[in-house]
Amino acid sequence: MRRLLAILLPALLLMTACGGGETPAAEPTSKSVGDVSKLDSLKVTDNGNDKAPGIEFSKPLAVTGPTVKVVKEGDGEPVKMGQIAELVFIAVDGADGKTLEDGYAKGPQAIELSEQMKAGNELIFDAIIGAKVGSHVAIAAPGNSSASDGASPSAPASSQLVIFKIASAKDAPGLLSKEETDQLDKDGKLPKVTFDDKGAPSVEIPKTDAPAGLSVKVLSEGNGEELKDSDTIDANYTGWRWEDSTKFDSSYDRGEAATFGLNQVIKGWTLGLTGQKVGSKVLLTIPTDLAYGASAAAQGKPAGPLVFVVEITGKK
């Protein structure tokens, strides 16, 4: 998702010019923005979720501000607030149609339709929310040509055009209750944790499916302050993949605690550690959608459900 946002940076910088302050409809629909007639010539031929679509449009494409339009409506259900949508995208140069980036090669990128996402990226939020799964949405952003780079001051700038497809949308997994976690533990469906004489953890992960929701088991409770989701904390941790028990990261191996904000980590950490006390040791079993998402492997991140043992050593 960060790559999509980076490509659309010119549009995001200008999105305050698109208006705002509108009262959202009870049943939101994807919002068109700007002079959408500029995109009337755009034709998209769907090639599935694994291959970039065919794209045709009258060139050059020039827009003076962020321009958003659903150019090919899907036949799925509308995307709702709180869901996790998976997007695939392609970015092209509006002047000649040359591909700038083919996001299809990296697989779907997950994004949660939350109030936080809306506050940070309202243009994209409004383009996705209410659109039907399978839809192709175009976002055109003006270019930045100027007389100083050899272009005529009156010449239209070369626009960037991003077309993303909403590949899927599903409800975000939630935090399991203590009772649900206790039952999983009783049934042998949670990892077993042991610590060596230096305090470093190891786990034995059961040969079962990972829990569908976020499981939080307090291994030992500290007596410090409770954490808020905006806190910056110090913590020692080790992480493993559920699927094959591969350890992929450990502050214990590095010999020093890590420092991070709870609003700057994967959602499973934010949800799982908020409310825990400084000094606690916690077992987190995190479903894919609250970890690094379905395209984690293509992005070089640990894929699938993850297991963490976290020792909260301090709060800033």
Protein backbone atom coordinates (compact mmCIF):
# COMPACT_ATOMS: atom_id res chain seq x y z
CA MET A 1 0.00 0.00 0.00
CA ARG A 2 2.89 2.38 0.69
CA ARG A 3 3.96 2.12 -2.96
CA LEU A 4 0.48 3.09 -4.12
CA LEU A 5 0.47 6.07 -1.77
CA ALA A 6 3.92 7.15 -2.93
CA ILE A 7 2.89 7.10 -6.57
CA LEU A 8 -0.19 9.14 -5.75
CA LEU A 9 1.71 11.69 -3.66
CA PRO A 10 0.98 14.61 -6.03
CA ALA A 11 -2.74 13.89 -5.71
CA LEU A 12 -2.54 13.49 -1.96
CA LEU A 13 -0.73 16.80 -1.61
CA LEU A 14 -3.54 18.50 -3.51
CA MET A 15 -6.47 16.64 -2.04
CA THR A 16 -7.38 19.54 0.26
CA ALA A 17 -8.45 21.35 -2.91
CA CYS A 18 -11.03 18.66 -3.54
CA GLY A 19 -13.35 19.93 -0.88
CA GLY A 20 -14.24 18.22 2.34
CA GLY A 21 -16.46 18.52 5.33
CA GLU A 22 -19.25 16.63 3.61
CA THR A 23 -21.59 14.60 5.76
CA PRO A 24 -21.05 10.95 4.81
CA ALA A 25 -24.05 9.10 3.42
CA ALA A 26 -25.57 6.26 5.39
CA GLU A 27 -24.60 3.96 2.54
CA PRO A 28 -21.37 5.49 1.15
CA THR A 29 -20.43 5.09 -2.47
CA SER A 30 -17.09 5.62 -4.16
CA LYS A 31 -16.68 9.35 -4.68
CA SER A 32 -15.74 10.84 -8.02
CA VAL A 33 -13.37 13.80 -7.81
CA GLY A 34 -12.36 16.49 -10.29
CA ASP A 35 -13.16 16.76 -13.99
CA VAL A 36 -13.99 13.10 -14.62
CA SER A 37 -14.67 13.83 -18.29
CA LYS A 38 -10.87 13.73 -18.66
CA LEU A 39 -11.15 9.98 -18.06
CA ASP A 40 -14.03 9.34 -20.48
CA SER A 41 -11.67 7.81 -23.06
CA LEU A 42 -10.17 5.37 -20.54
CA LYS A 43 -10.97 1.73 -21.31
CA VAL A 44 -9.87 -1.12 -19.04
CA THR A 45 -9.74 -4.79 -20.02
CA ASP A 46 -9.67 -6.99 -16.93
CA ASN A 47 -7.05 -9.77 -16.90
CA GLY A 48 -7.77 -11.16 -13.44
CA ASN A 49 -5.97 -10.37 -10.20
CA ASP A 50 -2.57 -11.70 -11.27
CA LYS A 51 -1.99 -9.77 -14.49
CA ALA A 52 -2.25 -6.05 -15.16
CA PRO A 53 -5.29 -5.02 -17.20
CA GLY A 54 -5.19 -3.74 -20.73
CA ILE A 55 -5.44 0.05 -20.75
CA GLU A 56 -6.41 2.43 -23.54
CA PHE A 57 -6.93 6.20 -23.33
CA SER A 58 -6.51 9.32 -25.44
CA LYS A 59 -3.01 10.70 -25.04
CA PRO A 60 -1.75 12.89 -23.62
CA LEU A 61 -3.86 12.83 -20.47
CA ALA A 62 -3.66 16.17 -18.66
CA VAL A 63 -5.50 17.03 -15.44
CA THR A 64 -5.19 20.11 -13.29
CA GLY A 65 -6.05 18.44 -10.00
CA PRO A 66 -6.72 15.03 -8.45
CA THR A 67 -9.25 13.18 -10.58
CA VAL A 68 -10.99 10.01 -9.42
CA LYS A 69 -13.50 7.82 -11.23
CA VAL A 70 -14.76 4.23 -11.14
CA VAL A 71 -14.02 3.27 -14.75
CA LYS A 72 -15.20 -0.34 -14.61
CA GLU A 73 -17.67 -1.44 -11.95
CA GLY A 74 -17.27 -4.85 -10.38
CA ASP A 75 -20.07 -7.25 -9.54
CA GLY A 76 -19.16 -7.91 -5.90
CA GLU A 77 -20.47 -6.43 -2.69
CA PRO A 78 -19.71 -2.79 -1.79
CA VAL A 79 -16.67 -2.25 0.43
CA LYS A 80 -17.66 -1.22 3.97
CA MET A 81 -16.02 0.70 6.77
CA GLY A 82 -13.91 -1.56 8.97
CA GLN A 83 -13.25 -4.11 6.24
CA ILE A 84 -9.86 -5.03 4.85
CA ALA A 85 -9.69 -4.48 1.09
CA GLU A 86 -7.02 -6.01 -1.11
CA LEU A 87 -5.89 -3.87 -4.03
CA VAL A 88 -3.79 -4.53 -7.12
CA PHE A 89 -2.69 -1.59 -9.23
CA ILE A 90 -0.79 -0.34 -12.23
CA ALA A 91 0.65 3.16 -12.65
CA VAL A 92 1.28 4.68 -16.08
CA ASP A 93 2.52 7.94 -17.56
CA GLY A 94 -0.39 10.02 -18.81
CA ALA A 95 1.65 11.37 -21.71
CA ASP A 96 2.46 8.10 -23.47
CA GLY A 97 0.87 5.30 -21.43
CA LYS A 98 4.26 3.87 -20.43
CA THR A 99 4.10 1.68 -17.33
CA LEU A 100 5.66 3.32 -14.29
CA GLU A 101 4.98 0.45 -11.91
CA ASP A 102 3.16 -2.86 -12.21
CA GLY A 103 1.83 -3.62 -8.74
CA TYR A 104 0.17 -6.81 -9.99
CA ALA A 105 3.59 -8.46 -9.98
CA LYS A 106 3.80 -8.01 -6.20
CA GLY A 107 0.33 -9.32 -5.46
CA PRO A 108 -2.60 -7.74 -3.63
CA GLN A 109 -1.89 -5.08 -1.03
CA ALA A 110 -4.15 -5.02 2.00
CA ILE A 111 -5.59 -1.84 3.45
CA GLU A 112 -8.02 -1.48 6.35
CA LEU A 113 -10.84 0.99 5.83
CA SER A 114 -10.57 2.68 9.23
CA GLU A 115 -11.03 6.18 10.58
CA GLN A 116 -7.25 6.38 10.89
CA MET A 117 -6.81 5.53 7.21
CA LYS A 118 -9.49 8.07 6.28
CA ALA A 119 -7.76 10.81 8.28
CA GLY A 120 -4.42 10.12 6.63
CA ASN A 121 -5.50 9.36 3.05
CA GLU A 122 -9.02 10.65 2.53
CA LEU A 123 -8.76 10.72 -1.26
CA ILE A 124 -8.03 7.00 -1.51
CA PHE A 125 -10.45 6.16 1.31
CA ASP A 126 -13.29 7.91 -0.49
CA ALA A 127 -12.39 6.17 -3.75
CA ILE A 128 -12.57 2.71 -2.15
CA ILE A 129 -15.41 2.93 0.36
CA GLY A 130 -18.70 1.91 -1.21
CA ALA A 131 -17.10 0.69 -4.45
CA LYS A 132 -17.96 -2.88 -5.43
CA VAL A 133 -15.41 -5.66 -5.24
CA GLY A 134 -14.00 -6.20 -8.71
CA SER A 135 -14.19 -2.50 -9.60
CA HIS A 136 -11.35 -0.68 -11.36
CA VAL A 137 -10.85 2.83 -10.00
CA ALA A 138 -8.71 5.41 -11.78
CA ILE A 139 -6.86 8.20 -9.99
CA ALA A 140 -5.08 10.79 -12.13
CA ALA A 141 -2.66 13.28 -10.61
CA PRO A 142 -1.21 16.33 -12.35
CA GLY A 143 2.43 16.36 -13.33
CA ASN A 144 5.07 18.89 -12.39
CA SER A 145 6.57 20.23 -15.60
CA SER A 146 7.86 23.83 -15.65
CA ALA A 147 9.68 26.24 -17.92
CA SER A 148 12.89 25.61 -16.03
CA ASP A 149 13.06 22.01 -17.21
CA GLY A 150 12.67 22.96 -20.88
CA ALA A 151 8.91 22.68 -21.11
CA SER A 152 6.77 25.56 -22.30
CA PRO A 153 5.02 27.29 -19.39
CA SER A 154 1.73 26.84 -21.21
CA ALA A 155 2.28 23.16 -22.07
CA PRO A 156 0.11 20.68 -20.13
CA ALA A 157 2.04 18.74 -17.52
CA SER A 158 2.37 14.99 -17.95
CA SER A 159 -0.08 13.40 -15.55
CA GLN A 160 0.30 10.17 -13.64
CA LEU A 161 -2.51 7.66 -13.88
CA VAL A 162 -3.04 4.88 -11.37
CA ILE A 163 -5.70 2.25 -11.92
CA PHE A 164 -6.36 -0.04 -9.00
CA LYS A 165 -8.67 -3.02 -8.81
CA ILE A 166 -10.45 -4.00 -5.62
CA ALA A 167 -9.56 -7.68 -5.64
CA SER A 168 -11.40 -8.57 -2.42
CA ALA A 169 -12.86 -7.19 0.78
CA LYS A 170 -13.55 -8.95 4.04
CA ASP A 171 -14.28 -8.13 7.65
CA ALA A 172 -11.15 -7.59 9.72
CA PRO A 173 -10.44 -10.33 12.25
CA GLY A 174 -11.01 -9.24 15.82
CA LEU A 175 -9.46 -9.67 19.22
CA LEU A 176 -10.49 -12.95 20.83
CA SER A 177 -11.92 -12.80 24.32
CA LYS A 178 -9.97 -14.18 27.29
CA GLU A 179 -12.46 -17.03 27.45
CA GLU A 180 -11.90 -17.90 23.77
CA THR A 181 -8.13 -17.76 24.24
CA ASP A 182 -8.32 -19.92 27.38
CA GLN A 183 -10.38 -22.51 25.46
CA LEU A 184 -7.85 -22.59 22.61
CA ASP A 185 -5.09 -23.10 25.15
CA LYS A 186 -7.03 -25.88 26.89
CA ASP A 187 -7.60 -27.59 23.52
CA GLY A 188 -3.88 -27.48 22.68
CA LYS A 189 -4.37 -24.97 19.85
CA LEU A 190 -1.96 -22.31 21.12
CA PRO A 191 1.85 -22.42 21.08
CA LYS A 192 3.64 -23.66 24.19
CA VAL A 193 6.28 -21.25 25.46
CA THR A 194 9.46 -21.98 27.38
CA PHE A 195 12.31 -19.68 28.43
CA ASP A 196 16.00 -20.51 28.64
CA ASP A 197 18.25 -19.53 31.55
CA LYS A 198 18.90 -16.14 29.89
CA GLY A 199 15.20 -15.41 29.55
CA ALA A 200 14.97 -15.93 25.79
CA PRO A 201 11.75 -17.65 24.66
CA SER A 202 11.16 -20.61 22.38
CA VAL A 203 7.84 -22.00 21.20
CA GLU A 204 6.26 -25.26 20.15
CA ILE A 205 3.57 -24.44 17.60
CA PRO A 206 0.75 -27.01 17.25
CA LYS A 207 0.04 -28.70 13.93
CA THR A 208 -3.38 -27.10 13.64
CA ASP A 209 -4.83 -24.11 11.86
CA ALA A 210 -3.95 -20.80 13.46
CA PRO A 211 -6.73 -19.07 15.42
CA ALA A 212 -9.02 -17.01 13.20
CA GLY A 213 -8.75 -14.00 15.49
CA LEU A 214 -6.03 -12.33 17.50
CA SER A 215 -5.18 -14.43 20.57
CA VAL A 216 -3.51 -12.71 23.53
CA LYS A 217 -2.25 -14.86 26.40
CA VAL A 218 -0.56 -13.17 29.36
CA LEU A 219 2.30 -15.47 30.38
CA SER A 220 3.22 -13.36 33.38
CA GLU A 221 1.71 -10.04 34.39
CA GLY A 222 3.86 -7.07 35.27
CA ASN A 223 3.08 -4.44 37.86
CA GLY A 224 3.80 -1.34 35.78
CA GLU A 225 1.55 1.12 33.97
CA GLU A 226 -1.05 -0.06 31.47
CA LEU A 227 -0.21 0.74 27.86
CA LYS A 228 -2.25 3.00 25.61
CA ASP A 229 -2.31 2.55 21.85
CA SER A 230 -0.40 5.81 21.44
CA ASP A 231 2.46 4.88 23.79
CA THR A 232 6.07 4.34 22.82
CA ILE A 233 7.50 1.31 24.55
CA ASP A 234 10.66 -0.72 25.06
CA ALA A 235 10.25 -4.46 24.53
CA ASN A 236 12.14 -7.66 23.95
CA TYR A 237 10.48 -10.03 21.53
CA THR A 238 10.85 -13.00 19.22
CA GLY A 239 8.65 -13.77 16.21
CA TRP A 240 7.91 -17.03 14.40
CA ARG A 241 5.78 -18.04 11.42
CA TRP A 242 2.90 -20.29 12.43
CA GLU A 243 3.10 -22.38 9.26
CA ASP A 244 6.63 -23.74 9.68
CA SER A 245 7.82 -22.44 13.08
CA THR A 246 10.55 -20.37 11.38
CA LYS A 247 12.00 -17.69 13.65
CA PHE A 248 12.31 -14.50 11.60
CA ASP A 249 13.21 -11.81 14.15
CA SER A 250 14.40 -11.57 17.73
CA SER A 251 15.62 -8.69 19.87
CA TYR A 252 16.98 -11.32 22.27
CA ASP A 253 19.38 -12.45 19.54
CA ARG A 254 20.53 -8.85 19.09
CA GLY A 255 21.07 -8.43 22.81
CA GLU A 256 19.00 -5.29 23.27
CA ALA A 257 15.37 -4.28 23.61
CA ALA A 258 13.59 -2.52 20.74
CA THR A 259 11.80 0.83 21.01
CA PHE A 260 8.69 1.54 18.95
CA GLY A 261 5.34 3.31 19.00
CA LEU A 262 2.27 1.11 19.31
CA ASN A 263 0.69 3.15 16.51
CA GLN A 264 3.62 2.36 14.19
CA VAL A 265 3.56 -1.45 14.19
CA ILE A 266 1.39 -4.18 12.74
CA LYS A 267 -2.23 -4.07 13.87
CA GLY A 268 -1.87 -7.29 15.87
CA TRP A 269 0.73 -5.67 18.09
CA THR A 270 -1.32 -2.52 18.56
CA LEU A 271 -4.45 -4.45 19.55
CA GLY A 272 -2.62 -7.13 21.51
CA LEU A 273 -0.38 -4.94 23.64
CA THR A 274 -2.77 -2.06 24.36
CA GLY A 275 -3.95 -2.47 27.95
CA GLN A 276 -1.07 -4.72 28.95
CA LYS A 277 1.14 -3.70 31.88
CA VAL A 278 4.82 -2.80 31.76
CA GLY A 279 6.77 -5.84 32.94
CA SER A 280 4.35 -8.34 31.40
CA LYS A 281 5.31 -11.22 29.10
CA VAL A 282 2.66 -11.84 26.44
CA LEU A 283 2.06 -14.47 23.78
CA LEU A 284 0.46 -13.03 20.63
CA THR A 285 -0.95 -15.29 17.92
CA ILE A 286 -1.73 -12.96 15.02
CA PRO A 287 -3.83 -13.81 11.94
CA THR A 288 -2.49 -12.83 8.52
CA ASP A 289 -4.74 -9.80 8.10
CA LEU A 290 -3.50 -8.29 11.37
CA ALA A 291 0.13 -9.11 10.52
CA TYR A 292 1.72 -8.27 7.15
CA GLY A 293 -1.14 -9.31 4.88
CA ALA A 294 -1.56 -11.69 1.96
CA SER A 295 1.26 -10.14 -0.11
CA ALA A 296 3.85 -10.26 2.68
CA ALA A 297 6.14 -12.74 0.92
CA ALA A 298 6.27 -10.64 -2.26
CA GLN A 299 7.32 -7.68 -0.11
CA GLY A 300 10.03 -9.62 1.70
CA LYS A 301 8.11 -9.84 4.98
CA PRO A 302 7.09 -12.91 7.01
CA ALA A 303 3.95 -14.39 5.52
CA GLY A 304 0.87 -15.93 7.06
CA PRO A 305 -0.19 -16.04 10.71
CA LEU A 306 2.57 -15.08 13.13
CA VAL A 307 3.48 -15.88 16.73
CA PHE A 308 5.25 -13.42 19.03
CA VAL A 309 6.44 -13.59 22.59
CA VAL A 310 6.80 -10.02 23.86
CA GLU A 311 8.32 -8.82 27.13
CA ILE A 312 7.32 -5.20 27.83
CA THR A 313 10.35 -3.72 29.56
CA GLY A 314 9.42 -0.03 29.68
CA LYS A 315 7.24 2.85 28.53
CA LYS A 316 8.50 6.24 27.37
